[in-house]
Structures are given as C-alpha cells and as structure tokens.
Amino acid sequence: MLWLYLHFPHLLLDHIRRSPEHPGALVIVEGSGQKVIQACPEARDQGITPGMRLKTAIALVPELGMVRADQHQEARILEDQARWLYRYAAHIVLVPPDGLLAEIGSLQRLYGGLAAVWQTVDQGLNERRLSAWQATGHTPLAARLLARTGMGECTADKGQIQQTLDQIPLPMVEFDDKTCVRLQRLGLNHLGEVLALPRNELAHRLSPETLAHLQKIEGSRPDPKAPWQPPHHFRQQADFAQDIEQSQGLLFPLQRLLSELEEDLCWRQQETDSLLLVMNHRHQEATRLRIRTAGPEHRANSFLSLIRLRLDQHPLKAPVVSLVLSVRRFLNREADTRQDLLGESQDLNEAWHTLISRLQARLGDGALHQLSPQADHRPERAWSASEVLNRHATPLPDSHQLPRRPLWLLKGPQPLLETPVAWFSGPERISGGWWDGQQVHRDYYIAQTHHGQLAWVFRDVREGWFVHGWFG
C-alpha cells in the first residue's frame, strides 16, 4: 500500500486568514494567552516568531491581531479538510490535531499515476488557500514522519523513501524524551543509524513500545487504520479575527461557504431546499436564519441572493464573530426533461422556483400561499390556501372544460339589491353539503347590473337572490 500524509503546520491560522476581514499581522496564541504559537507572514516580517511571548509581540506590533487556540475548533477545521479530501480518496484517516492520512496506492490507475494524484491534491490545497507539507510512504507512520519533517517527496520507490527516512533526526522520530536521550548517548543521531542495529540489540536496548514504533515505521508490524466516514450533514464555519458590524461584510465569507456547499451538493448529486445560517455574537444570543427555497436548489448564487434579501430585512443586532452554515435535508437531483442535450429550451420551473424563493425571502415564509382545488362543488369550499409547492406538483384540468368563474369571489354571498338588466348564462345548479350540515341548493347565473358590471348571482330556493362574485 502507498499512503499520502498531509501535515498542516498552521491550520487554524490559514482558516482565519481565508476571510478578508483579518488584520495585516495575525498570530495564534496558546490557551493561556501568554505565548505565540503561530504567526502569519506579515507578523514574521515584523520580527514575530512562534514561541515568542505575547507581550513582546505586541511591543513589536501594537495593532497585532490575535486568536486564541481552541482544540475543539481545530478538530472541526481538520474534519472540514477531511470532507474535502474525501472527494478524491475513499480511505481517509484523521490524525489530530493537524494531519490527514489517505491511502492512494489504489488511486494511481484512476488518476493516471502518482504524479497526477499529487497534483490534484496540491491544486485543491491552493484553491482552499491551505499550507500543507505532503509526503508519501509505504506505511502510515513513515508518511507521517516524512511530512512532519518537511522531507516528503512524490515517489513510490521504496528505496528512495527509506533513504529519506534514514536521514530524519532522532528528535523528529517521535520517540519519548528518555529514549531519545539514551540513543544519542550511544552516538546515534538519525533514524537510519538506529534501524541499522541488529534486531537482537534493538530488542535489548529499547522498550517494547519503542521497538513497536520502529516496526510500524518499517512495516514489519501491523498498523491498521480505521477509515473516516463523512457525517450525513453539511456544516461549515467562518471565524473572524475582527468582529463584523455590517451585514455587507458577511457577503464574502458567505460566498465562500456557499461555494463549498455547492461543491458538496454536486459531489453528492443532491440538492436541498433548506439552509440554516447562524450568526454568533460575542455577548448576545446567536441569530438564526432559516433560508428556504421553493424547490430543490444547489447553486451558490441563488442561495446568496436569498440570504442577502433576508439580511436586508434583519439588520445585525450585534457584531458577528463567526458564521455557521449547515444543511441537514438533502434531496435527490432529478434530470430536467424539459431541456434538450444542448440546454436550449427554457426551464420555466427553475424560473418559478427562483421567483417564489425571492418573494418568500423578502416577505417571509408565511406571506405566500398557493390556491389548491378541493373536491367540493360549493364555491366557498372548492379551494383552500396552502404552502407554495412545486409549480408542476398538482396537475390542473383543462380550463376550457370548466364552467366560467369570477376572479373576485366574495367572502360570503351578499343580497342582490337590484334587478339585473341582462342575463348571459345559466342556470348552473349546485346542490350539496348534506354530509356536513351546510346544505345548499342554488341556481347560478351571469348577469349585468345597471352600472355595466358582470355579476355572478344565484337564486336560493329558500332565501332569494344573492351576489357571490364579480367578473373583471
């Protein structure tokens, strides 16, 4: 087997710097806030180095931006990178806090060689603006050591890999401190010198744990790795070094999050009609916006337009420190049968979804309703208002086969106060309602009043004449 290891030397720093809102010089400080553990290029250019005390760093750069390290946040970011790498390799192993392992021996034929696999991963890292040290090895531990020392190469040659492994200094082999000091006192300084010792000598001088570690590097001892499986939901988060006070400042990180959602949906061959956007504030409860579309959707630009409309309706109540975009509802994508192979025919259903989604984002989810026919001949009970559904979800009968009905139906029949001057159609008898105690027995006509209006009137056999609607 051949393994690829990705070591992220400053994963949290890269994650923060993906947003354009970060300051010029940015550092990551340890949990206690006393020491710098990661520094961006701008900070290093001004003399700040990892391991420096924070007070010294602030003295060098008074406007230094800083983010406190968080293990839970780093674990979440590492899982985000595993989700991305899973698109290219099926066997992924998370190595917290800053490493990913992928089995790539079985991918060489698929991609056309090891160089193509390496280039594909490298291109993905550049697109995501991540810094990673890559290495290949015939054992997981060998690939890890080569990547963490920055000595990795794109090669499947066992001899070349072993030659590079032999050059790794003992402090970088991940021995415990006591073992490392003991070996150095014997005059051993590199991994190759230890591996050159006779096996009996190794077993005599090294602890069982250290010997097992060496055997895993060589591959003479099994080192099984359980594959990581992506969760059945989408979740991405954007963290900011500086609070964002205007909704306009959220659009760029939103575009990035939605682009990653679009890539994820395309990879899944699925769509969604529901997004949850959570805006976290420093001293207030988070703002939660549920974004719904009128139909299945996967395009980032469409989601961004809806979110922009919602943000216009809901100004920020407090500065935002981070954004969370999550999707838990996925819908299977269906091929559009209304377009030919060249895609030249117009997709009216897509235009309908876009219009309804924008109106809902502007007016609110409960502002739009769809009229649906009901199996009842009584006009006031022949329809109902329901949630807006797919434009083609409910097939309607041919309008030419239906009797004429007014566009303006009154809330209830009103007494007819004048005798019509002309009669155009009728009678149309409607009788029913005996099953629910609201029985009617009416004869409907279309008639013209003295003012020229066309009215839909009926005669009730018991109560007289009424107006039930008006024609346009």
Protein backbone atom coordinates (compact mmCIF):
# COMPACT_ATOMS: atom_id res chain seq x y z
CA MET A 1 0.00 0.00 0.00
CA LEU A 2 1.01 3.60 -0.53
CA TRP A 3 -0.05 6.36 1.82
CA LEU A 4 -0.19 10.14 1.46
CA TYR A 5 0.13 12.28 4.57
CA LEU A 6 -0.83 15.96 4.76
CA HIS A 7 0.64 17.93 7.65
CA PHE A 8 -0.92 21.37 8.27
CA PRO A 9 1.69 23.40 10.19
CA HIS A 10 -0.71 26.28 10.90
CA LEU A 11 -4.21 25.09 10.11
CA LEU A 12 -6.09 27.49 12.39
CA LEU A 13 -4.11 30.45 11.07
CA ASP A 14 -4.90 29.52 7.46
CA HIS A 15 -8.56 29.10 8.38
CA ILE A 16 -8.79 32.60 9.88
CA ARG A 17 -6.84 34.18 7.02
CA ARG A 18 -9.28 32.86 4.42
CA SER A 19 -11.53 35.77 5.39
CA PRO A 20 -10.50 39.21 4.05
CA GLU A 21 -11.51 40.77 7.37
CA HIS A 22 -8.38 39.62 9.21
CA PRO A 23 -5.83 42.32 10.15
CA GLY A 24 -2.47 42.68 8.41
CA ALA A 25 -0.48 40.91 11.14
CA LEU A 26 -2.15 37.96 12.83
CA VAL A 27 -0.98 35.40 15.39
CA ILE A 28 -2.42 32.38 17.16
CA VAL A 29 -1.74 32.34 20.89
CA GLU A 30 -1.86 29.35 23.23
CA GLY A 31 -4.83 28.75 25.52
CA SER A 32 -3.29 30.71 28.41
CA GLY A 33 -2.71 33.66 26.09
CA GLN A 34 0.95 34.07 27.08
CA LYS A 35 2.83 32.69 24.07
CA VAL A 36 2.61 32.93 20.28
CA ILE A 37 2.33 29.51 18.63
CA GLN A 38 1.59 30.53 15.01
CA ALA A 39 2.42 33.74 13.12
CA CYS A 40 1.32 34.82 9.65
CA PRO A 41 3.91 36.05 7.07
CA GLU A 42 3.10 39.70 7.79
CA ALA A 43 3.78 39.15 11.50
CA ARG A 44 7.00 37.23 10.83
CA ASP A 45 8.22 40.05 8.57
CA GLN A 46 7.94 42.38 11.56
CA GLY A 47 10.01 40.12 13.83
CA ILE A 48 7.35 37.96 15.47
CA THR A 49 8.21 34.26 15.70
CA PRO A 50 6.44 31.21 17.16
CA GLY A 51 7.40 30.73 20.82
CA MET A 52 7.69 34.48 21.46
CA ARG A 53 5.90 35.91 24.47
CA LEU A 54 2.74 37.78 23.57
CA LYS A 55 3.87 40.93 25.41
CA THR A 56 6.99 41.07 23.26
CA ALA A 57 4.96 40.54 20.08
CA ILE A 58 2.56 43.38 20.98
CA ALA A 59 5.53 45.64 21.68
CA LEU A 60 6.78 44.94 18.13
CA VAL A 61 3.34 45.32 16.50
CA PRO A 62 0.91 47.34 18.67
CA GLU A 63 -2.06 46.61 16.32
CA LEU A 64 -1.39 42.89 16.24
CA GLY A 65 -4.43 40.70 15.62
CA MET A 66 -4.64 37.59 17.75
CA VAL A 67 -6.82 34.50 18.05
CA ARG A 68 -6.71 32.10 20.98
CA ALA A 69 -6.11 28.44 20.10
CA ASP A 70 -9.09 26.16 20.65
CA GLN A 71 -8.81 22.36 20.44
CA HIS A 72 -12.48 21.90 19.56
CA GLN A 73 -12.23 24.49 16.81
CA GLU A 74 -9.07 22.89 15.40
CA ALA A 75 -10.73 19.46 15.41
CA ARG A 76 -13.71 20.88 13.50
CA ILE A 77 -11.44 22.55 10.94
CA LEU A 78 -9.47 19.33 10.45
CA GLU A 79 -12.71 17.45 9.79
CA ASP A 80 -13.65 20.10 7.20
CA GLN A 81 -10.42 19.33 5.35
CA ALA A 82 -11.12 15.59 5.60
CA ARG A 83 -14.51 16.17 3.96
CA TRP A 84 -12.76 17.95 1.09
CA LEU A 85 -10.10 15.23 0.71
CA TYR A 86 -12.79 12.52 0.77
CA ARG A 87 -13.86 13.69 -2.69
CA TYR A 88 -10.56 12.39 -4.06
CA ALA A 89 -9.79 9.39 -1.83
CA ALA A 90 -12.11 6.95 -0.09
CA HIS A 91 -9.78 5.78 2.72
CA ILE A 92 -9.19 8.85 4.90
CA VAL A 93 -7.78 8.83 8.45
CA LEU A 94 -7.85 11.84 10.77
CA VAL A 95 -4.64 12.37 12.74
CA PRO A 96 -5.40 15.18 15.22
CA PRO A 97 -4.57 17.90 15.68
CA ASP A 98 -3.05 18.76 12.31
CA GLY A 99 -2.76 15.75 9.99
CA LEU A 100 -4.67 13.75 7.40
CA LEU A 101 -3.74 10.34 6.03
CA ALA A 102 -5.05 8.93 2.74
CA GLU A 103 -4.45 5.59 1.04
CA ILE A 104 -3.53 6.46 -2.57
CA GLY A 105 -1.98 3.27 -3.89
CA SER A 106 -5.35 2.22 -5.32
CA LEU A 107 -5.91 5.66 -6.91
CA GLN A 108 -2.90 5.76 -9.22
CA ARG A 109 -4.63 3.94 -12.04
CA LEU A 110 -7.75 6.09 -11.65
CA TYR A 111 -5.85 9.38 -11.84
CA GLY A 112 -3.20 8.23 -14.30
CA GLY A 113 -0.21 7.89 -12.00
CA LEU A 114 1.12 9.08 -8.66
CA ALA A 115 2.13 12.47 -10.04
CA ALA A 116 -1.46 13.15 -11.09
CA VAL A 117 -2.75 12.26 -7.62
CA TRP A 118 -0.17 14.54 -6.01
CA GLN A 119 -1.02 17.38 -8.41
CA THR A 120 -4.77 17.00 -7.81
CA VAL A 121 -4.33 17.29 -4.04
CA ASP A 122 -1.87 20.15 -4.40
CA GLN A 123 -4.30 22.06 -6.63
CA GLY A 124 -7.07 21.57 -4.09
CA LEU A 125 -4.85 22.92 -1.31
CA ASN A 126 -4.07 26.02 -3.37
CA GLU A 127 -7.74 26.62 -4.10
CA ARG A 128 -8.54 26.39 -0.40
CA ARG A 129 -5.52 28.56 0.44
CA LEU A 130 -4.10 25.98 2.84
CA SER A 131 -0.45 25.32 3.60
CA ALA A 132 0.40 21.63 3.90
CA TRP A 133 3.54 19.50 3.81
CA GLN A 134 2.96 16.35 1.76
CA ALA A 135 4.77 13.03 1.84
CA THR A 136 4.26 9.51 0.54
CA GLY A 137 5.23 6.34 2.36
CA HIS A 138 4.57 2.61 2.28
CA THR A 139 3.45 2.73 5.90
CA PRO A 140 1.23 5.33 7.57
CA LEU A 141 3.86 6.21 10.16
CA ALA A 142 6.62 6.62 7.56
CA ALA A 143 4.48 9.02 5.55
CA ARG A 144 3.66 10.96 8.72
CA LEU A 145 7.29 11.36 9.81
CA LEU A 146 8.41 12.46 6.34
CA ALA A 147 5.59 15.03 6.10
CA ARG A 148 6.13 16.49 9.58
CA THR A 149 9.84 16.97 8.91
CA GLY A 150 9.18 18.60 5.53
CA MET A 151 11.24 15.92 3.76
CA GLY A 152 8.41 14.37 1.77
CA GLU A 153 8.62 13.64 -1.95
CA CYS A 154 6.27 12.47 -4.67
CA THR A 155 7.62 8.96 -5.11
CA ALA A 156 6.56 5.34 -4.76
CA ASP A 157 10.13 4.00 -4.81
CA LYS A 158 10.71 2.11 -1.54
CA GLY A 159 14.47 2.57 -1.71
CA GLN A 160 14.18 6.33 -2.12
CA ILE A 161 11.62 6.59 0.67
CA GLN A 162 13.80 4.53 3.00
CA GLN A 163 16.85 6.62 2.15
CA THR A 164 14.97 9.78 3.15
CA LEU A 165 13.67 8.15 6.33
CA ASP A 166 17.22 7.27 7.36
CA GLN A 167 18.12 10.98 7.37
CA ILE A 168 15.42 12.01 9.89
CA PRO A 169 16.98 13.31 13.14
CA LEU A 170 16.06 11.29 16.21
CA PRO A 171 14.13 14.17 17.92
CA MET A 172 11.75 14.13 14.91
CA VAL A 173 11.05 10.36 15.04
CA GLU A 174 8.52 10.86 17.88
CA PHE A 175 10.42 8.80 20.45
CA ASP A 176 9.82 9.71 24.07
CA ASP A 177 12.44 12.06 25.56
CA LYS A 178 14.09 9.37 27.70
CA THR A 179 14.62 7.02 24.73
CA CYS A 180 15.87 9.82 22.52
CA VAL A 181 18.49 10.91 25.07
CA ARG A 182 19.60 7.33 25.63
CA LEU A 183 20.13 6.71 21.92
CA GLN A 184 22.01 9.97 21.46
CA ARG A 185 24.36 8.99 24.30
CA LEU A 186 25.17 5.89 22.26
CA GLY A 187 26.25 8.17 19.41
CA LEU A 188 23.11 7.67 17.34
CA ASN A 189 21.64 10.81 15.79
CA HIS A 190 19.48 9.69 12.85
CA LEU A 191 16.77 7.11 12.33
CA GLY A 192 18.86 5.14 9.84
CA GLU A 193 21.56 4.55 12.44
CA VAL A 194 19.01 3.03 14.81
CA LEU A 195 17.49 0.82 12.11
CA ALA A 196 20.98 -0.42 11.19
CA LEU A 197 21.44 -2.02 14.62
CA PRO A 198 20.95 -5.79 14.87
CA ARG A 199 17.43 -6.77 15.82
CA ASN A 200 18.59 -8.52 18.99
CA GLU A 201 20.43 -5.35 20.01
CA LEU A 202 17.32 -3.24 19.34
CA ALA A 203 15.13 -5.54 21.45
CA HIS A 204 17.72 -5.42 24.25
CA ARG A 205 18.24 -1.66 24.33
CA LEU A 206 14.73 -0.38 23.51
CA SER A 207 11.44 -0.67 25.36
CA PRO A 208 8.69 -2.79 23.77
CA GLU A 209 6.78 0.39 22.89
CA THR A 210 9.77 1.97 21.16
CA LEU A 211 10.51 -1.25 19.28
CA ALA A 212 6.88 -1.44 18.13
CA HIS A 213 7.15 2.16 16.94
CA LEU A 214 10.17 1.31 14.79
CA GLN A 215 8.48 -1.79 13.39
CA LYS A 216 5.46 0.27 12.35
CA ILE A 217 7.78 2.66 10.50
CA GLU A 218 9.38 -0.26 8.65
CA GLY A 219 6.10 -2.06 8.04
CA SER A 220 7.07 -5.29 9.85
CA ARG A 221 4.33 -4.72 12.43
CA PRO A 222 0.65 -4.23 11.51
CA ASP A 223 -0.63 -0.68 11.87
CA PRO A 224 -4.31 -0.82 10.85
CA LYS A 225 -6.11 2.47 10.27
CA ALA A 226 -9.90 2.65 10.51
CA PRO A 227 -11.26 4.82 7.68
CA TRP A 228 -13.09 8.04 8.50
CA GLN A 229 -16.62 8.43 7.18
CA PRO A 230 -18.08 11.89 6.48
CA PRO A 231 -21.15 12.86 8.51
CA HIS A 232 -24.56 12.81 6.82
CA HIS A 233 -24.88 16.57 7.01
CA PHE A 234 -23.06 19.68 5.81
CA ARG A 235 -21.57 22.16 8.26
CA GLN A 236 -19.05 24.90 7.58
CA GLN A 237 -17.93 27.76 9.80
CA ALA A 238 -16.16 31.04 9.11
CA ASP A 239 -14.33 32.63 12.07
CA PHE A 240 -13.24 36.27 12.12
CA ALA A 241 -10.27 37.84 13.85
CA GLN A 242 -12.20 41.12 13.98
CA ASP A 243 -15.94 41.46 14.63
CA ILE A 244 -18.06 42.31 11.59
CA GLU A 245 -20.55 45.09 12.30
CA GLN A 246 -22.28 45.44 8.90
CA SER A 247 -24.14 42.73 7.01
CA GLN A 248 -22.29 43.77 3.83
CA GLY A 249 -19.09 42.45 5.40
CA LEU A 250 -20.63 38.98 5.67
CA LEU A 251 -21.15 38.55 1.93
CA PHE A 252 -17.59 37.46 1.06
CA PRO A 253 -17.32 34.70 3.69
CA LEU A 254 -20.90 33.69 2.84
CA GLN A 255 -19.92 33.34 -0.81
CA ARG A 256 -17.07 31.02 0.18
CA LEU A 257 -19.27 28.90 2.45
CA LEU A 258 -21.99 28.63 -0.19
CA SER A 259 -19.45 27.72 -2.88
CA GLU A 260 -18.27 24.85 -0.68
CA LEU A 261 -21.91 23.84 -0.20
CA GLU A 262 -22.43 23.84 -3.97
CA GLU A 263 -19.35 21.66 -4.46
CA ASP A 264 -20.56 19.29 -1.75
CA LEU A 265 -24.05 19.02 -3.28
CA CYS A 266 -22.62 18.43 -6.76
CA TRP A 267 -20.36 15.73 -5.34
CA ARG A 268 -23.32 14.11 -3.60
CA GLN A 269 -25.52 14.53 -6.72
CA GLN A 270 -28.14 16.03 -4.44
CA GLU A 271 -29.89 19.31 -3.75
CA THR A 272 -31.54 20.99 -0.79
CA ASP A 273 -34.38 23.37 -0.05
CA SER A 274 -33.44 24.42 3.49
CA LEU A 275 -30.36 26.14 4.94
CA LEU A 276 -29.63 27.23 8.48
CA LEU A 277 -27.41 30.29 8.91
CA VAL A 278 -26.21 31.01 12.45
CA MET A 279 -24.50 34.33 13.23
CA ASN A 280 -22.64 34.14 16.53
CA HIS A 281 -22.20 37.28 18.62
CA ARG A 282 -19.72 37.88 21.39
CA HIS A 283 -22.09 38.91 24.20
CA GLN A 284 -25.55 38.08 22.85
CA GLU A 285 -27.53 35.05 21.82
CA ALA A 286 -26.80 33.85 18.30
CA THR A 287 -29.01 34.97 15.41
CA ARG A 288 -30.51 32.05 13.49
CA LEU A 289 -31.91 32.46 9.99
CA ARG A 290 -33.69 29.59 8.26
CA ILE A 291 -33.44 30.01 4.49
CA ARG A 292 -36.00 28.07 2.46
CA THR A 293 -36.33 27.73 -1.28
CA ALA A 294 -39.48 26.96 -3.25
CA GLY A 295 -37.86 23.89 -4.78
CA PRO A 296 -34.64 21.85 -4.79
CA GLU A 297 -31.57 24.02 -5.37
CA HIS A 298 -27.79 23.64 -5.37
CA ARG A 299 -26.39 26.88 -6.86
CA ALA A 300 -24.39 29.14 -4.54
CA ASN A 301 -25.52 32.34 -6.28
CA SER A 302 -29.20 31.50 -5.76
CA PHE A 303 -28.65 30.85 -2.04
CA LEU A 304 -26.63 34.06 -1.70
CA SER A 305 -29.40 36.15 -3.29
CA LEU A 306 -31.93 34.78 -0.80
CA ILE A 307 -29.65 35.34 2.18
CA ARG A 308 -28.93 38.89 1.02
CA LEU A 309 -32.68 39.61 0.97
CA ARG A 310 -33.09 38.16 4.46
CA LEU A 311 -30.19 40.23 5.79
CA ASP A 312 -31.80 43.35 4.32
CA GLN A 313 -34.92 42.53 6.33
CA HIS A 314 -33.00 41.65 9.53
CA PRO A 315 -30.16 44.10 10.27
CA LEU A 316 -27.43 42.82 12.57
CA LYS A 317 -28.37 43.21 16.22
CA ALA A 318 -24.71 42.93 17.29
CA PRO A 319 -21.26 42.44 15.72
CA VAL A 320 -20.68 38.95 14.32
CA VAL A 321 -17.68 36.89 15.44
CA SER A 322 -18.38 33.78 13.34
CA LEU A 323 -20.78 32.32 10.78
CA VAL A 324 -22.09 28.75 10.69
CA LEU A 325 -23.83 27.33 7.62
CA SER A 326 -25.46 23.92 8.00
CA VAL A 327 -27.67 21.68 5.87
CA ARG A 328 -29.33 18.51 7.13
CA ARG A 329 -32.01 18.00 4.47
CA PHE A 330 -30.85 16.58 1.14
CA LEU A 331 -32.99 15.85 -1.92
CA ASN A 332 -32.14 13.64 -4.85
CA ARG A 333 -31.34 15.53 -8.01
CA GLU A 334 -33.53 14.67 -10.97
CA ALA A 335 -32.66 15.21 -14.61
CA ASP A 336 -34.65 18.00 -16.25
CA THR A 337 -36.71 16.50 -19.07
CA ARG A 338 -37.78 19.90 -20.41
CA GLN A 339 -34.34 20.65 -21.86
CA ASP A 340 -32.60 19.03 -24.79
CA LEU A 341 -28.98 17.90 -24.78
CA LEU A 342 -27.82 21.40 -25.74
CA GLY A 343 -29.84 23.01 -22.94
CA GLU A 344 -31.50 25.45 -25.33
CA SER A 345 -35.09 25.15 -24.12
CA GLN A 346 -36.24 27.43 -21.31
CA ASP A 347 -36.63 25.94 -17.85
CA LEU A 348 -39.84 27.57 -16.65
CA ASN A 349 -39.91 25.52 -13.44
CA GLU A 350 -36.50 26.91 -12.42
CA ALA A 351 -37.72 30.47 -13.03
CA TRP A 352 -40.78 29.72 -10.90
CA HIS A 353 -38.62 28.41 -8.02
CA THR A 354 -36.38 31.48 -8.20
CA LEU A 355 -39.31 33.90 -8.12
CA ILE A 356 -41.10 32.18 -5.23
CA SER A 357 -37.88 31.80 -3.22
CA ARG A 358 -37.08 35.51 -3.55
CA LEU A 359 -40.62 36.55 -2.60
CA GLN A 360 -40.50 34.32 0.47
CA ALA A 361 -37.11 35.73 1.48
CA ARG A 362 -38.42 39.28 1.06
CA LEU A 363 -41.90 38.89 2.59
CA GLY A 364 -41.44 35.96 4.95
CA ASP A 365 -42.27 32.25 4.82
CA GLY A 366 -45.92 32.74 5.81
CA ALA A 367 -46.67 35.58 3.38
CA LEU A 368 -47.21 33.43 0.26
CA HIS A 369 -49.92 30.86 -0.26
CA GLN A 370 -50.97 28.67 -3.11
CA LEU A 371 -54.62 28.04 -4.05
CA SER A 372 -55.44 24.37 -4.33
CA PRO A 373 -58.72 22.88 -5.60
CA GLN A 374 -60.86 20.85 -3.23
CA ALA A 375 -63.35 18.11 -4.04
CA ASP A 376 -66.42 20.21 -3.27
CA HIS A 377 -68.90 21.88 -5.67
CA ARG A 378 -69.80 24.70 -3.24
CA PRO A 379 -67.77 27.73 -4.45
CA GLU A 380 -66.77 28.89 -0.97
CA ARG A 381 -65.40 25.40 -0.20
CA ALA A 382 -63.97 24.46 -3.61
CA TRP A 383 -60.49 25.80 -2.83
CA SER A 384 -58.01 26.17 0.01
CA ALA A 385 -54.86 28.18 0.66
CA SER A 386 -51.77 26.08 1.35
CA GLU A 387 -47.97 26.28 1.33
CA VAL A 388 -46.43 27.10 -2.04
CA LEU A 389 -45.32 23.86 -3.66
CA ASN A 390 -43.64 22.81 -6.87
CA ARG A 391 -45.14 24.56 -9.85
CA HIS A 392 -45.83 21.24 -11.54
CA ALA A 393 -46.74 19.29 -8.42
CA THR A 394 -50.55 19.37 -8.86
CA PRO A 395 -51.85 18.89 -12.41
CA LEU A 396 -54.86 21.11 -13.15
CA PRO A 397 -57.70 20.24 -15.53
CA ASP A 398 -58.09 21.98 -18.87
CA SER A 399 -59.61 25.42 -18.24
CA HIS A 400 -61.83 25.07 -21.36
CA GLN A 401 -63.64 22.17 -19.68
CA LEU A 402 -64.53 24.19 -16.57
CA PRO A 403 -67.53 26.50 -16.17
CA ARG A 404 -66.84 30.22 -16.00
CA ARG A 405 -65.98 31.54 -12.56
CA PRO A 406 -65.36 35.12 -11.35
CA LEU A 407 -61.87 36.23 -10.33
CA TRP A 408 -63.33 38.08 -7.34
CA LEU A 409 -65.28 35.73 -5.10
CA LEU A 410 -66.87 37.49 -2.15
CA LYS A 411 -66.20 36.24 1.38
CA GLY A 412 -69.87 35.37 1.59
CA PRO A 413 -72.97 35.81 -0.59
CA GLN A 414 -74.48 39.33 -0.46
CA PRO A 415 -78.17 40.06 -1.11
CA LEU A 416 -78.93 41.20 -4.69
CA LEU A 417 -80.46 44.67 -4.24
CA GLU A 418 -81.37 45.42 -7.88
CA THR A 419 -82.80 43.56 -10.82
CA PRO A 420 -80.16 42.82 -13.50
CA VAL A 421 -80.64 44.43 -16.91
CA ALA A 422 -79.29 41.44 -18.87
CA TRP A 423 -78.73 37.72 -18.40
CA PHE A 424 -75.89 35.94 -20.21
CA SER A 425 -75.75 32.36 -18.95
CA GLY A 426 -77.44 30.00 -16.59
CA PRO A 427 -78.83 28.37 -14.75
CA GLU A 428 -75.96 26.27 -13.35
CA ARG A 429 -77.32 24.23 -10.50
CA ILE A 430 -75.08 23.49 -7.49
CA SER A 431 -76.52 21.28 -4.79
CA GLY A 432 -74.58 19.65 -1.97
CA GLY A 433 -73.34 19.88 1.61
CA TRP A 434 -75.79 17.43 3.07
CA TRP A 435 -72.84 15.47 4.52
CA ASP A 436 -71.62 18.28 6.81
CA GLY A 437 -74.86 20.06 7.71
CA GLN A 438 -74.15 23.05 5.37
CA GLN A 439 -76.50 22.04 2.55
CA VAL A 440 -77.04 24.45 -0.37
CA HIS A 441 -79.39 24.30 -3.38
CA ARG A 442 -78.58 27.15 -5.78
CA ASP A 443 -79.07 28.15 -9.44
CA TYR A 444 -76.18 30.37 -10.65
CA TYR A 445 -76.36 32.98 -13.46
CA ILE A 446 -74.05 35.55 -15.05
CA ALA A 447 -75.90 38.85 -15.14
CA GLN A 448 -75.21 42.52 -15.88
CA THR A 449 -76.15 45.31 -13.44
CA HIS A 450 -77.30 48.87 -14.24
CA HIS A 451 -73.65 50.06 -13.87
CA GLY A 452 -72.40 47.60 -16.53
CA GLN A 453 -70.76 45.19 -14.07
CA LEU A 454 -70.87 41.44 -14.66
CA ALA A 455 -72.03 39.65 -11.53
CA TRP A 456 -72.20 36.02 -10.58
CA VAL A 457 -75.60 35.68 -8.94
CA PHE A 458 -77.65 32.79 -7.68
CA ARG A 459 -81.15 32.10 -6.53
CA ASP A 460 -81.57 30.16 -3.33
CA VAL A 461 -84.84 28.24 -3.37
CA ARG A 462 -85.49 29.24 0.25
CA GLU A 463 -83.90 32.68 0.77
CA GLY A 464 -83.98 34.56 -2.58
CA TRP A 465 -81.34 36.20 -4.83
CA PHE A 466 -77.66 36.81 -3.91
CA VAL A 467 -74.42 38.09 -5.46
CA HIS A 468 -71.49 35.70 -4.97
CA GLY A 469 -68.75 37.27 -7.13
CA TRP A 470 -67.73 39.80 -9.76
CA PHE A 471 -66.10 39.27 -13.15
CA GLY A 472 -63.22 41.51 -14.22
